[in-house]
Amino acid sequence: MRVTKVKICGLRRLEDMLCAADAGADFVGVVFVPGVRRQVPVEEAAATVAGFRRRWGQRPPQVVGLFADQPVELVNEVACQVGLDCVQLCGGEPPAYWEQVQRPILKALHVRGDLPAREQIEALGEKLALLERMGHLGVLDRASDLQPGGLGQPFDWSVARALAAEGNRFLLAGGLTPDNVAEAVQLVGPYGVDVSSGVETDGVKDQAKIRAFLRAARAAPTRQ
């Protein structure tokens, strides 16, 4: 049975990053988007990531830095300074931008609630295929006019289910929690799942919820 990849995002503290790694996460995410609650200053993130790698050993989860519509020169500079393994782009960055990023990319693709499902499936499928050809990975999240992702709200999983059934690889994000991630994995069959607010209590990462999320995601049977 294929193992579902898991990304724990919005991590600010070393102890939470270590908890995610110990629970079996494949990716740990750090936010560099200005004005977002979980944003981490670059120097602080560099120290945390260095400490994480010293403590965890030779095969830690991949460290992902989140950005949104920021100058690509800044993205590459931060990736180098912090020692990021991957960059997640959460804004409207076009393929020409992707080509300039000096790390593998996770690209947020936003699912809207005001457009027909079939129209979105076709458009998102084309973007996911392009990402795959370029060696990158998509992240399906709910569209928002307030900020680039991170609202913790689900979208119509039938869109994601159809895309997975067509063989597209992506991380499923938006409104996932320890209580519903098993259902999401079984229903959609994504390559992986991505969570931030769903493993928080009062806006702070909750290590018990992180562990519960990993257990539920990994125990769920997949459609593929």
N, C-alpha and C. Protein backbone atom coordinates (compact mmCIF):
# COMPACT_ATOMS: atom_id res chain seq x y z
N MET A 1 0.85 -1.20 0.00
CA MET A 1 0.00 0.00 0.00
C MET A 1 0.88 1.25 0.00
N ARG A 2 0.54 2.22 -0.84
CA ARG A 2 1.32 3.46 -0.91
C ARG A 2 1.17 4.24 0.38
N VAL A 3 2.29 4.79 0.86
CA VAL A 3 2.27 5.59 2.08
C VAL A 3 1.98 7.05 1.73
N THR A 4 1.00 7.64 2.38
CA THR A 4 0.64 9.03 2.14
C THR A 4 1.68 9.96 2.77
N LYS A 5 2.22 10.88 1.97
CA LYS A 5 3.17 11.85 2.49
C LYS A 5 2.44 12.86 3.38
N VAL A 6 3.16 13.39 4.37
CA VAL A 6 2.55 14.33 5.30
C VAL A 6 3.46 15.54 5.48
N LYS A 7 2.85 16.73 5.38
CA LYS A 7 3.55 17.99 5.63
C LYS A 7 2.89 18.69 6.80
N ILE A 8 3.69 19.04 7.80
CA ILE A 8 3.23 19.85 8.93
C ILE A 8 3.78 21.25 8.70
N CYS A 9 2.89 22.21 8.58
CA CYS A 9 3.30 23.55 8.16
C CYS A 9 3.09 24.58 9.27
N GLY A 10 3.68 25.76 9.04
CA GLY A 10 3.53 26.85 9.97
C GLY A 10 4.27 26.64 11.28
N LEU A 11 5.40 25.93 11.23
CA LEU A 11 6.17 25.64 12.44
C LEU A 11 7.08 26.81 12.78
N ARG A 12 7.10 27.17 14.06
CA ARG A 12 7.91 28.29 14.53
C ARG A 12 8.95 27.86 15.56
N ARG A 13 8.69 26.76 16.26
CA ARG A 13 9.54 26.36 17.38
C ARG A 13 10.29 25.07 17.05
N LEU A 14 11.53 24.99 17.52
CA LEU A 14 12.35 23.80 17.29
C LEU A 14 11.67 22.56 17.86
N GLU A 15 11.08 22.66 19.04
CA GLU A 15 10.49 21.48 19.67
C GLU A 15 9.31 20.94 18.86
N ASP A 16 8.58 21.82 18.17
CA ASP A 16 7.47 21.35 17.34
C ASP A 16 7.99 20.71 16.05
N MET A 17 9.07 21.24 15.52
CA MET A 17 9.68 20.66 14.33
C MET A 17 10.20 19.26 14.65
N LEU A 18 10.83 19.11 15.80
CA LEU A 18 11.34 17.80 16.21
C LEU A 18 10.19 16.83 16.46
N CYS A 19 9.08 17.32 17.03
CA CYS A 19 7.92 16.47 17.25
C CYS A 19 7.37 15.96 15.92
N ALA A 20 7.26 16.85 14.93
CA ALA A 20 6.75 16.45 13.61
C ALA A 20 7.66 15.39 12.98
N ALA A 21 8.96 15.60 13.11
CA ALA A 21 9.91 14.63 12.55
C ALA A 21 9.79 13.29 13.25
N ASP A 22 9.70 13.33 14.58
CA ASP A 22 9.60 12.09 15.35
C ASP A 22 8.31 11.33 15.03
N ALA A 23 7.25 12.08 14.72
CA ALA A 23 5.97 11.44 14.38
C ALA A 23 5.95 10.89 12.96
N GLY A 24 6.95 11.25 12.15
CA GLY A 24 7.06 10.68 10.82
C GLY A 24 6.74 11.60 9.67
N ALA A 25 6.71 12.92 9.90
CA ALA A 25 6.41 13.86 8.82
C ALA A 25 7.48 13.79 7.73
N ASP A 26 7.04 14.00 6.50
CA ASP A 26 7.96 14.02 5.35
C ASP A 26 8.45 15.43 5.05
N PHE A 27 7.62 16.43 5.38
CA PHE A 27 7.96 17.83 5.15
C PHE A 27 7.59 18.63 6.40
N VAL A 28 8.42 19.63 6.71
CA VAL A 28 8.07 20.60 7.76
C VAL A 28 8.16 21.99 7.13
N GLY A 29 7.13 22.82 7.38
CA GLY A 29 7.04 24.10 6.68
C GLY A 29 7.25 25.28 7.60
N VAL A 30 7.98 26.28 7.09
CA VAL A 30 8.24 27.53 7.79
C VAL A 30 7.76 28.67 6.90
N VAL A 31 7.03 29.62 7.48
CA VAL A 31 6.39 30.68 6.70
C VAL A 31 7.26 31.94 6.67
N PHE A 32 7.45 32.46 5.45
CA PHE A 32 8.20 33.71 5.25
C PHE A 32 7.35 34.78 4.55
N VAL A 33 6.03 34.59 4.55
CA VAL A 33 5.12 35.54 3.90
C VAL A 33 4.90 36.73 4.83
N PRO A 34 5.19 37.95 4.40
CA PRO A 34 5.02 39.11 5.27
C PRO A 34 3.57 39.30 5.73
N GLY A 35 3.41 39.66 6.99
CA GLY A 35 2.10 39.97 7.51
C GLY A 35 1.26 38.78 7.93
N VAL A 36 1.77 37.57 7.72
CA VAL A 36 1.04 36.37 8.11
C VAL A 36 1.41 36.01 9.55
N ARG A 37 0.44 35.56 10.31
CA ARG A 37 0.64 35.30 11.73
C ARG A 37 1.80 34.36 12.03
N ARG A 38 2.00 33.37 11.17
CA ARG A 38 3.03 32.38 11.45
C ARG A 38 4.39 32.74 10.84
N GLN A 39 4.53 33.93 10.32
CA GLN A 39 5.80 34.34 9.70
C GLN A 39 6.94 34.26 10.72
N VAL A 40 8.08 33.73 10.24
CA VAL A 40 9.27 33.61 11.09
C VAL A 40 10.37 34.49 10.50
N PRO A 41 11.03 35.33 11.30
CA PRO A 41 12.17 36.12 10.80
C PRO A 41 13.25 35.20 10.25
N VAL A 42 13.92 35.64 9.22
CA VAL A 42 14.88 34.79 8.51
C VAL A 42 15.99 34.30 9.43
N GLU A 43 16.57 35.17 10.21
CA GLU A 43 17.68 34.76 11.08
C GLU A 43 17.21 33.74 12.12
N GLU A 44 16.02 33.95 12.65
CA GLU A 44 15.46 32.99 13.61
C GLU A 44 15.23 31.64 12.95
N ALA A 45 14.68 31.67 11.73
CA ALA A 45 14.43 30.42 11.01
C ALA A 45 15.73 29.69 10.72
N ALA A 46 16.77 30.42 10.33
CA ALA A 46 18.06 29.79 10.04
C ALA A 46 18.61 29.08 11.28
N ALA A 47 18.48 29.72 12.44
CA ALA A 47 18.96 29.10 13.67
C ALA A 47 18.13 27.87 14.03
N THR A 48 16.81 27.96 13.84
CA THR A 48 15.95 26.84 14.16
C THR A 48 16.22 25.65 13.26
N VAL A 49 16.36 25.91 11.95
CA VAL A 49 16.61 24.82 11.01
C VAL A 49 17.97 24.19 11.26
N ALA A 50 18.97 24.99 11.56
CA ALA A 50 20.30 24.44 11.87
C ALA A 50 20.23 23.56 13.11
N GLY A 51 19.52 24.03 14.13
CA GLY A 51 19.37 23.22 15.34
C GLY A 51 18.60 21.95 15.08
N PHE A 52 17.59 22.04 14.23
CA PHE A 52 16.79 20.87 13.87
C PHE A 52 17.66 19.81 13.21
N ARG A 53 18.48 20.21 12.28
CA ARG A 53 19.32 19.24 11.58
C ARG A 53 20.39 18.66 12.49
N ARG A 54 20.92 19.45 13.40
CA ARG A 54 21.90 18.91 14.36
C ARG A 54 21.25 17.87 15.27
N ARG A 55 20.04 18.14 15.70
CA ARG A 55 19.37 17.26 16.65
C ARG A 55 18.81 16.01 15.98
N TRP A 56 18.34 16.14 14.74
CA TRP A 56 17.62 15.02 14.14
C TRP A 56 18.53 14.04 13.41
N GLY A 57 19.66 14.47 12.89
CA GLY A 57 20.56 13.53 12.25
C GLY A 57 20.58 13.63 10.74
N GLN A 58 20.90 12.51 10.06
CA GLN A 58 21.24 12.55 8.64
C GLN A 58 20.04 12.59 7.71
N ARG A 59 18.88 12.09 8.12
CA ARG A 59 17.74 12.01 7.21
C ARG A 59 16.51 12.69 7.81
N PRO A 60 16.57 14.01 8.02
CA PRO A 60 15.40 14.71 8.54
C PRO A 60 14.35 14.92 7.45
N PRO A 61 13.14 15.28 7.84
CA PRO A 61 12.15 15.67 6.83
C PRO A 61 12.68 16.86 6.01
N GLN A 62 12.13 17.03 4.84
CA GLN A 62 12.51 18.17 4.02
C GLN A 62 11.92 19.46 4.61
N VAL A 63 12.75 20.49 4.68
CA VAL A 63 12.31 21.77 5.22
C VAL A 63 11.84 22.64 4.06
N VAL A 64 10.59 23.11 4.15
CA VAL A 64 9.95 23.88 3.10
C VAL A 64 9.74 25.31 3.59
N GLY A 65 10.12 26.28 2.78
CA GLY A 65 9.86 27.68 3.09
C GLY A 65 8.71 28.21 2.25
N LEU A 66 7.74 28.88 2.88
CA LEU A 66 6.56 29.39 2.18
C LEU A 66 6.72 30.86 1.85
N PHE A 67 6.41 31.20 0.59
CA PHE A 67 6.50 32.57 0.08
C PHE A 67 5.26 32.84 -0.76
N ALA A 68 4.97 34.12 -0.99
CA ALA A 68 3.82 34.48 -1.83
C ALA A 68 4.09 35.78 -2.56
N ASP A 69 4.27 35.69 -3.87
CA ASP A 69 4.44 36.86 -4.74
C ASP A 69 5.56 37.78 -4.26
N GLN A 70 6.64 37.18 -3.80
CA GLN A 70 7.81 37.94 -3.37
C GLN A 70 8.88 37.87 -4.44
N PRO A 71 9.81 38.84 -4.50
CA PRO A 71 10.84 38.82 -5.54
C PRO A 71 11.61 37.50 -5.52
N VAL A 72 11.82 36.93 -6.69
CA VAL A 72 12.47 35.63 -6.75
C VAL A 72 13.89 35.70 -6.20
N GLU A 73 14.53 36.85 -6.32
CA GLU A 73 15.87 37.01 -5.76
C GLU A 73 15.84 36.85 -4.24
N LEU A 74 14.79 37.38 -3.61
CA LEU A 74 14.64 37.24 -2.17
C LEU A 74 14.39 35.79 -1.79
N VAL A 75 13.53 35.12 -2.55
CA VAL A 75 13.23 33.71 -2.29
C VAL A 75 14.51 32.87 -2.32
N ASN A 76 15.32 33.06 -3.35
CA ASN A 76 16.55 32.29 -3.46
C ASN A 76 17.54 32.64 -2.35
N GLU A 77 17.58 33.90 -1.97
CA GLU A 77 18.49 34.32 -0.90
C GLU A 77 18.08 33.69 0.43
N VAL A 78 16.79 33.74 0.74
CA VAL A 78 16.32 33.14 1.99
C VAL A 78 16.52 31.63 1.98
N ALA A 79 16.23 30.99 0.86
CA ALA A 79 16.42 29.54 0.75
C ALA A 79 17.87 29.15 1.05
N CYS A 80 18.80 29.94 0.55
CA CYS A 80 20.22 29.68 0.78
C CYS A 80 20.60 29.95 2.24
N GLN A 81 20.14 31.08 2.76
CA GLN A 81 20.51 31.48 4.13
C GLN A 81 19.95 30.51 5.17
N VAL A 82 18.70 30.09 4.99
CA VAL A 82 18.06 29.21 5.96
C VAL A 82 18.45 27.76 5.73
N GLY A 83 18.80 27.41 4.49
CA GLY A 83 19.10 26.02 4.16
C GLY A 83 17.85 25.23 3.85
N LEU A 84 16.94 25.85 3.09
CA LEU A 84 15.69 25.17 2.73
C LEU A 84 15.93 24.07 1.71
N ASP A 85 15.17 23.00 1.83
CA ASP A 85 15.20 21.93 0.83
C ASP A 85 14.27 22.24 -0.34
N CYS A 86 13.14 22.88 -0.03
CA CYS A 86 12.12 23.18 -1.03
C CYS A 86 11.55 24.56 -0.76
N VAL A 87 10.91 25.10 -1.78
CA VAL A 87 10.22 26.38 -1.67
C VAL A 87 8.76 26.16 -2.04
N GLN A 88 7.84 26.65 -1.21
CA GLN A 88 6.42 26.59 -1.55
C GLN A 88 5.96 27.98 -1.95
N LEU A 89 5.40 28.08 -3.14
CA LEU A 89 4.91 29.34 -3.68
C LEU A 89 3.40 29.38 -3.53
N CYS A 90 2.90 30.36 -2.77
CA CYS A 90 1.49 30.40 -2.40
C CYS A 90 0.71 31.50 -3.11
N GLY A 91 1.36 32.27 -3.95
CA GLY A 91 0.69 33.37 -4.63
C GLY A 91 0.32 33.03 -6.06
N GLY A 92 0.42 34.04 -6.93
CA GLY A 92 0.06 33.85 -8.33
C GLY A 92 1.26 33.71 -9.23
N GLU A 93 2.35 33.17 -8.71
CA GLU A 93 3.60 33.06 -9.48
C GLU A 93 3.41 32.20 -10.74
N PRO A 94 3.81 32.73 -11.92
CA PRO A 94 3.65 31.99 -13.18
C PRO A 94 4.82 31.03 -13.42
N PRO A 95 4.70 30.16 -14.43
CA PRO A 95 5.78 29.22 -14.73
C PRO A 95 7.13 29.89 -14.99
N ALA A 96 7.14 31.08 -15.60
CA ALA A 96 8.41 31.77 -15.83
C ALA A 96 9.12 32.08 -14.51
N TYR A 97 8.35 32.33 -13.48
CA TYR A 97 8.90 32.56 -12.14
C TYR A 97 9.47 31.26 -11.58
N TRP A 98 8.73 30.16 -11.76
CA TRP A 98 9.18 28.88 -11.22
C TRP A 98 10.58 28.54 -11.74
N GLU A 99 10.82 28.85 -13.00
CA GLU A 99 12.10 28.49 -13.62
C GLU A 99 13.29 29.19 -12.97
N GLN A 100 13.03 30.29 -12.27
CA GLN A 100 14.12 31.05 -11.65
C GLN A 100 14.39 30.63 -10.21
N VAL A 101 13.52 29.82 -9.64
CA VAL A 101 13.70 29.39 -8.25
C VAL A 101 14.76 28.29 -8.21
N GLN A 102 15.68 28.41 -7.27
CA GLN A 102 16.84 27.51 -7.22
C GLN A 102 16.64 26.33 -6.28
N ARG A 103 15.40 25.98 -6.03
CA ARG A 103 15.06 24.82 -5.20
C ARG A 103 13.86 24.12 -5.83
N PRO A 104 13.64 22.84 -5.52
CA PRO A 104 12.38 22.21 -5.93
C PRO A 104 11.20 22.99 -5.36
N ILE A 105 10.09 22.97 -6.08
CA ILE A 105 8.95 23.81 -5.73
C ILE A 105 7.73 22.98 -5.37
N LEU A 106 7.03 23.43 -4.33
CA LEU A 106 5.65 23.04 -4.07
C LEU A 106 4.82 24.26 -4.43
N LYS A 107 3.91 24.12 -5.37
CA LYS A 107 3.14 25.27 -5.85
C LYS A 107 1.69 25.16 -5.40
N ALA A 108 1.24 26.15 -4.63
CA ALA A 108 -0.15 26.18 -4.20
C ALA A 108 -1.06 26.50 -5.38
N LEU A 109 -2.05 25.65 -5.59
CA LEU A 109 -3.07 25.85 -6.62
C LEU A 109 -4.41 25.98 -5.91
N HIS A 110 -5.11 27.07 -6.17
CA HIS A 110 -6.28 27.40 -5.38
C HIS A 110 -7.58 26.97 -6.06
N VAL A 111 -8.38 26.25 -5.30
CA VAL A 111 -9.67 25.75 -5.78
C VAL A 111 -10.75 26.73 -5.35
N ARG A 112 -11.51 27.22 -6.31
CA ARG A 112 -12.55 28.22 -6.04
C ARG A 112 -13.90 27.54 -5.88
N GLY A 113 -14.73 28.17 -5.06
CA GLY A 113 -16.07 27.64 -4.85
C GLY A 113 -17.10 28.23 -5.78
N ASP A 114 -16.70 29.21 -6.60
CA ASP A 114 -17.66 29.91 -7.47
C ASP A 114 -17.50 29.54 -8.94
N LEU A 115 -16.76 28.49 -9.22
CA LEU A 115 -16.57 28.04 -10.60
C LEU A 115 -17.01 26.59 -10.75
N PRO A 116 -17.47 26.18 -11.93
CA PRO A 116 -17.89 24.79 -12.13
C PRO A 116 -16.75 23.82 -11.87
N ALA A 117 -17.07 22.69 -11.26
CA ALA A 117 -16.05 21.71 -10.90
C ALA A 117 -15.27 21.23 -12.13
N ARG A 118 -15.98 20.91 -13.21
CA ARG A 118 -15.31 20.38 -14.40
C ARG A 118 -14.33 21.38 -14.98
N GLU A 119 -14.69 22.64 -14.98
CA GLU A 119 -13.79 23.68 -15.47
C GLU A 119 -12.52 23.74 -14.62
N GLN A 120 -12.67 23.63 -13.33
CA GLN A 120 -11.51 23.67 -12.45
C GLN A 120 -10.65 22.42 -12.58
N ILE A 121 -11.29 21.29 -12.72
CA ILE A 121 -10.54 20.04 -12.88
C ILE A 121 -9.64 20.10 -14.11
N GLU A 122 -10.16 20.62 -15.21
CA GLU A 122 -9.36 20.71 -16.43
C GLU A 122 -8.20 21.68 -16.26
N ALA A 123 -8.48 22.87 -15.69
CA ALA A 123 -7.42 23.88 -15.53
C ALA A 123 -6.36 23.43 -14.53
N LEU A 124 -6.79 22.88 -13.41
CA LEU A 124 -5.84 22.44 -12.40
C LEU A 124 -5.04 21.23 -12.88
N GLY A 125 -5.70 20.36 -13.65
CA GLY A 125 -4.99 19.20 -14.19
C GLY A 125 -3.85 19.62 -15.11
N GLU A 126 -4.07 20.65 -15.91
CA GLU A 126 -3.01 21.16 -16.79
C GLU A 126 -1.84 21.71 -15.97
N LYS A 127 -2.15 22.45 -14.90
CA LYS A 127 -1.09 23.01 -14.07
C LYS A 127 -0.33 21.92 -13.32
N LEU A 128 -1.04 20.92 -12.82
CA LEU A 128 -0.38 19.83 -12.13
C LEU A 128 0.53 19.04 -13.07
N ALA A 129 0.08 18.84 -14.30
CA ALA A 129 0.90 18.13 -15.28
C ALA A 129 2.16 18.92 -15.60
N LEU A 130 2.03 20.23 -15.74
CA LEU A 130 3.20 21.07 -16.00
C LEU A 130 4.18 21.02 -14.83
N LEU A 131 3.67 21.11 -13.62
CA LEU A 131 4.54 21.00 -12.45
C LEU A 131 5.27 19.68 -12.44
N GLU A 132 4.57 18.62 -12.76
CA GLU A 132 5.18 17.28 -12.77
C GLU A 132 6.31 17.22 -13.80
N ARG A 133 6.05 17.77 -14.98
CA ARG A 133 7.09 17.75 -16.03
C ARG A 133 8.33 18.54 -15.61
N MET A 134 8.12 19.59 -14.81
CA MET A 134 9.23 20.42 -14.37
C MET A 134 9.89 19.89 -13.09
N GLY A 135 9.39 18.77 -12.58
CA GLY A 135 9.97 18.18 -11.39
C GLY A 135 9.47 18.77 -10.09
N HIS A 136 8.30 19.41 -10.13
CA HIS A 136 7.76 20.06 -8.95
C HIS A 136 6.46 19.36 -8.51
N LEU A 137 5.82 19.91 -7.48
CA LEU A 137 4.64 19.28 -6.90
C LEU A 137 3.60 20.34 -6.57
N GLY A 138 2.34 20.05 -6.84
CA GLY A 138 1.26 20.97 -6.53
C GLY A 138 0.69 20.74 -5.14
N VAL A 139 0.10 21.81 -4.59
CA VAL A 139 -0.61 21.74 -3.31
C VAL A 139 -2.00 22.33 -3.55
N LEU A 140 -3.04 21.53 -3.43
CA LEU A 140 -4.40 22.03 -3.64
C LEU A 140 -4.94 22.61 -2.34
N ASP A 141 -5.33 23.87 -2.38
CA ASP A 141 -5.85 24.56 -1.20
C ASP A 141 -7.06 25.40 -1.62
N ARG A 142 -7.82 25.83 -0.66
CA ARG A 142 -9.00 26.63 -0.94
C ARG A 142 -8.59 28.06 -1.31
N ALA A 143 -9.21 28.61 -2.33
CA ALA A 143 -8.95 29.99 -2.72
C ALA A 143 -9.47 30.95 -1.66
N SER A 144 -8.74 32.06 -1.48
CA SER A 144 -9.13 33.06 -0.49
C SER A 144 -8.74 34.44 -0.98
N ASP A 145 -9.60 35.40 -0.73
CA ASP A 145 -9.27 36.79 -1.05
C ASP A 145 -8.60 37.49 0.13
N LEU A 146 -8.49 36.79 1.27
CA LEU A 146 -7.93 37.41 2.47
C LEU A 146 -6.42 37.24 2.56
N GLN A 147 -5.93 36.05 2.25
CA GLN A 147 -4.50 35.79 2.30
C GLN A 147 -4.21 34.55 1.45
N PRO A 148 -2.94 34.33 1.07
CA PRO A 148 -2.60 33.18 0.22
C PRO A 148 -2.57 31.87 0.99
N GLY A 149 -3.74 31.29 1.22
CA GLY A 149 -3.80 30.01 1.92
C GLY A 149 -3.75 30.19 3.42
N GLY A 150 -3.75 29.06 4.11
CA GLY A 150 -3.60 29.09 5.54
C GLY A 150 -4.83 29.45 6.34
N LEU A 151 -6.02 29.42 5.72
CA LEU A 151 -7.24 29.76 6.44
C LEU A 151 -7.83 28.55 7.17
N GLY A 152 -7.35 27.37 6.85
CA GLY A 152 -7.84 26.19 7.52
C GLY A 152 -9.26 25.83 7.16
N GLN A 153 -9.66 26.08 5.92
CA GLN A 153 -11.01 25.79 5.47
C GLN A 153 -10.96 24.83 4.28
N PRO A 154 -11.82 23.82 4.26
CA PRO A 154 -11.80 22.85 3.16
C PRO A 154 -12.45 23.39 1.90
N PHE A 155 -12.22 22.71 0.79
CA PHE A 155 -12.91 22.98 -0.46
C PHE A 155 -13.62 21.70 -0.89
N ASP A 156 -14.21 21.72 -2.05
CA ASP A 156 -14.96 20.56 -2.56
C ASP A 156 -13.97 19.44 -2.90
N TRP A 157 -13.94 18.42 -2.07
CA TRP A 157 -12.98 17.33 -2.28
C TRP A 157 -13.25 16.54 -3.55
N SER A 158 -14.43 16.68 -4.15
CA SER A 158 -14.69 15.95 -5.39
C SER A 158 -13.77 16.42 -6.50
N VAL A 159 -13.36 17.70 -6.46
CA VAL A 159 -12.40 18.22 -7.44
C VAL A 159 -11.06 17.50 -7.27
N ALA A 160 -10.59 17.41 -6.03
CA ALA A 160 -9.32 16.74 -5.76
C ALA A 160 -9.41 15.25 -6.09
N ARG A 161 -10.53 14.65 -5.78
CA ARG A 161 -10.72 13.23 -6.06
C ARG A 161 -10.59 12.95 -7.55
N ALA A 162 -11.23 13.79 -8.37
CA ALA A 162 -11.17 13.61 -9.82
C ALA A 162 -9.74 13.79 -10.33
N LEU A 163 -9.03 14.77 -9.79
CA LEU A 163 -7.65 15.00 -10.22
C LEU A 163 -6.75 13.84 -9.84
N ALA A 164 -6.94 13.28 -8.64
CA ALA A 164 -6.14 12.13 -8.22
C ALA A 164 -6.46 10.91 -9.09
N ALA A 165 -7.73 10.75 -9.43
CA ALA A 165 -8.14 9.61 -10.26
C ALA A 165 -7.52 9.67 -11.64
N GLU A 166 -7.19 10.89 -12.10
CA GLU A 166 -6.54 11.05 -13.40
C GLU A 166 -5.03 10.87 -13.31
N GLY A 167 -4.52 10.53 -12.13
CA GLY A 167 -3.09 10.24 -11.96
C GLY A 167 -2.24 11.42 -11.55
N ASN A 168 -2.87 12.52 -11.16
CA ASN A 168 -2.11 13.71 -10.75
C ASN A 168 -1.61 13.56 -9.32
N ARG A 169 -0.36 13.98 -9.11
CA ARG A 169 0.22 14.00 -7.77
C ARG A 169 0.05 15.39 -7.16
N PHE A 170 -0.37 15.44 -5.90
CA PHE A 170 -0.48 16.73 -5.20
C PHE A 170 -0.62 16.47 -3.71
N LEU A 171 -0.35 17.52 -2.93
CA LEU A 171 -0.68 17.51 -1.51
C LEU A 171 -2.06 18.14 -1.35
N LEU A 172 -2.90 17.54 -0.54
CA LEU A 172 -4.23 18.07 -0.25
C LEU A 172 -4.15 18.92 1.01
N ALA A 173 -4.58 20.16 0.92
CA ALA A 173 -4.54 21.09 2.05
C ALA A 173 -5.91 21.72 2.25
N GLY A 174 -6.08 22.41 3.38
CA GLY A 174 -7.30 23.16 3.60
C GLY A 174 -8.28 22.44 4.51
N GLY A 175 -8.33 22.84 5.77
CA GLY A 175 -9.33 22.32 6.69
C GLY A 175 -9.10 20.92 7.19
N LEU A 176 -7.91 20.37 7.01
CA LEU A 176 -7.63 19.02 7.50
C LEU A 176 -7.32 19.05 8.99
N THR A 177 -7.75 18.01 9.70
CA THR A 177 -7.53 17.87 11.13
C THR A 177 -7.26 16.40 11.43
N PRO A 178 -6.85 16.09 12.66
CA PRO A 178 -6.73 14.67 13.02
C PRO A 178 -8.04 13.91 12.88
N ASP A 179 -9.17 14.62 12.97
CA ASP A 179 -10.47 13.95 12.91
C ASP A 179 -10.96 13.65 11.50
N ASN A 180 -10.49 14.41 10.50
CA ASN A 180 -11.02 14.18 9.14
C ASN A 180 -9.96 13.76 8.13
N VAL A 181 -8.69 13.72 8.51
CA VAL A 181 -7.66 13.43 7.52
C VAL A 181 -7.77 12.00 6.98
N ALA A 182 -8.15 11.04 7.82
CA ALA A 182 -8.30 9.67 7.33
C ALA A 182 -9.38 9.59 6.26
N GLU A 183 -10.49 10.29 6.49
CA GLU A 183 -11.56 10.32 5.49
C GLU A 183 -11.07 10.96 4.19
N ALA A 184 -10.29 12.04 4.32
CA ALA A 184 -9.77 12.73 3.13
C ALA A 184 -8.85 11.81 2.33
N VAL A 185 -7.96 11.12 3.02
CA VAL A 185 -7.03 10.22 2.33
C VAL A 185 -7.78 9.10 1.63
N GLN A 186 -8.76 8.53 2.31
CA GLN A 186 -9.51 7.41 1.73
C GLN A 186 -10.38 7.86 0.56
N LEU A 187 -10.99 9.03 0.68
CA LEU A 187 -11.89 9.52 -0.36
C LEU A 187 -11.15 10.05 -1.58
N VAL A 188 -10.10 10.85 -1.33
CA VAL A 188 -9.41 11.55 -2.42
C VAL A 188 -8.26 10.73 -3.00
N GLY A 189 -7.48 10.08 -2.12
CA GLY A 189 -6.30 9.37 -2.59
C GLY A 189 -5.18 10.29 -3.02
N PRO A 190 -4.86 11.35 -2.26
CA PRO A 190 -3.80 12.27 -2.68
C PRO A 190 -2.41 11.66 -2.47
N TYR A 191 -1.43 12.24 -3.13
CA TYR A 191 -0.04 11.85 -2.90
C TYR A 191 0.35 12.16 -1.46
N GLY A 192 -0.19 13.27 -0.92
CA GLY A 192 0.11 13.64 0.45
C GLY A 192 -0.90 14.64 0.98
N VAL A 193 -0.76 14.97 2.25
CA VAL A 193 -1.65 15.92 2.92
C VAL A 193 -0.81 16.98 3.62
N ASP A 194 -1.42 18.14 3.80
CA ASP A 194 -0.71 19.31 4.32
C ASP A 194 -1.61 19.97 5.38
N VAL A 195 -1.05 20.23 6.58
CA VAL A 195 -1.85 20.79 7.66
C VAL A 195 -1.08 21.85 8.40
N SER A 196 -1.80 22.85 8.88
CA SER A 196 -1.20 23.86 9.76
C SER A 196 -2.15 24.15 10.92
N SER A 197 -3.21 24.91 10.67
CA SER A 197 -4.12 25.28 11.76
C SER A 197 -4.83 24.07 12.35
N GLY A 198 -4.96 22.99 11.59
CA GLY A 198 -5.63 21.79 12.08
C GLY A 198 -4.89 21.06 13.17
N VAL A 199 -3.63 21.42 13.42
CA VAL A 199 -2.87 20.80 14.52
C VAL A 199 -2.46 21.89 15.52
N GLU A 200 -3.32 22.90 15.66
CA GLU A 200 -3.09 23.96 16.63
C GLU A 200 -4.20 24.00 17.67
N THR A 201 -3.87 24.52 18.83
CA THR A 201 -4.84 24.84 19.87
C THR A 201 -4.63 26.29 20.27
N ASP A 202 -5.66 27.09 20.11
CA ASP A 202 -5.57 28.53 20.40
C ASP A 202 -4.41 29.19 19.64
N GLY A 203 -4.24 28.77 18.37
CA GLY A 203 -3.24 29.39 17.52
C GLY A 203 -1.82 28.93 17.74
N VAL A 204 -1.61 27.92 18.58
CA VAL A 204 -0.27 27.42 18.87
C VAL A 204 -0.21 25.94 18.50
N LYS A 205 0.89 25.52 17.89
CA LYS A 205 1.03 24.12 17.54
C LYS A 205 0.87 23.23 18.77
N ASP A 206 0.07 22.17 18.60
CA ASP A 206 -0.26 21.23 19.66
C ASP A 206 0.40 19.90 19.30
N GLN A 207 1.39 19.48 20.09
CA GLN A 207 2.15 18.29 19.72
C GLN A 207 1.30 17.03 19.75
N ALA A 208 0.33 16.97 20.64
CA ALA A 208 -0.56 15.81 20.65
C ALA A 208 -1.36 15.73 19.35
N LYS A 209 -1.78 16.88 18.85
CA LYS A 209 -2.53 16.90 17.58
C LYS A 209 -1.62 16.56 16.40
N ILE A 210 -0.37 17.01 16.44
CA ILE A 210 0.57 16.66 15.38
C ILE A 210 0.72 15.14 15.30
N ARG A 211 0.92 14.52 16.44
CA ARG A 211 1.08 13.05 16.45
C ARG A 211 -0.20 12.35 16.01
N ALA A 212 -1.34 12.85 16.47
CA ALA A 212 -2.61 12.24 16.09
C ALA A 212 -2.86 12.37 14.58
N PHE A 213 -2.50 13.51 14.01
CA PHE A 213 -2.67 13.72 12.57
C PHE A 213 -1.82 12.73 11.79
N LEU A 214 -0.57 12.56 12.18
CA LEU A 214 0.30 11.61 11.48
C LEU A 214 -0.24 10.19 11.58
N ARG A 215 -0.69 9.81 12.77
CA ARG A 215 -1.22 8.45 12.94
C ARG A 215 -2.43 8.22 12.04
N ALA A 216 -3.34 9.19 12.03
CA ALA A 216 -4.56 9.03 11.24
C ALA A 216 -4.27 9.01 9.75
N ALA A 217 -3.39 9.90 9.29
CA ALA A 217 -3.07 9.97 7.86
C ALA A 217 -2.42 8.68 7.38
N ARG A 218 -1.53 8.13 8.19
CA ARG A 218 -0.80 6.94 7.78
C ARG A 218 -1.63 5.68 7.89
N ALA A 219 -2.59 5.67 8.79
CA ALA A 219 -3.40 4.46 8.98
C ALA A 219 -4.51 4.33 7.95
N ALA A 220 -4.86 5.43 7.30
CA ALA A 220 -5.99 5.40 6.36
C ALA A 220 -5.62 4.68 5.07
N PRO A 221 -6.49 3.77 4.59
CA PRO A 221 -6.24 3.16 3.28
C PRO A 221 -6.42 4.17 2.17
N THR A 222 -5.61 4.06 1.12
CA THR A 222 -5.69 5.00 0.01
C THR A 222 -6.44 4.38 -1.15
N ARG A 223 -6.91 5.25 -2.05
CA ARG A 223 -7.64 4.80 -3.23
C ARG A 223 -6.70 4.32 -4.31
N GLN A 224 -5.40 4.61 -4.19
CA GLN A 224 -4.49 4.27 -5.29
C GLN A 224 -3.45 3.27 -4.80
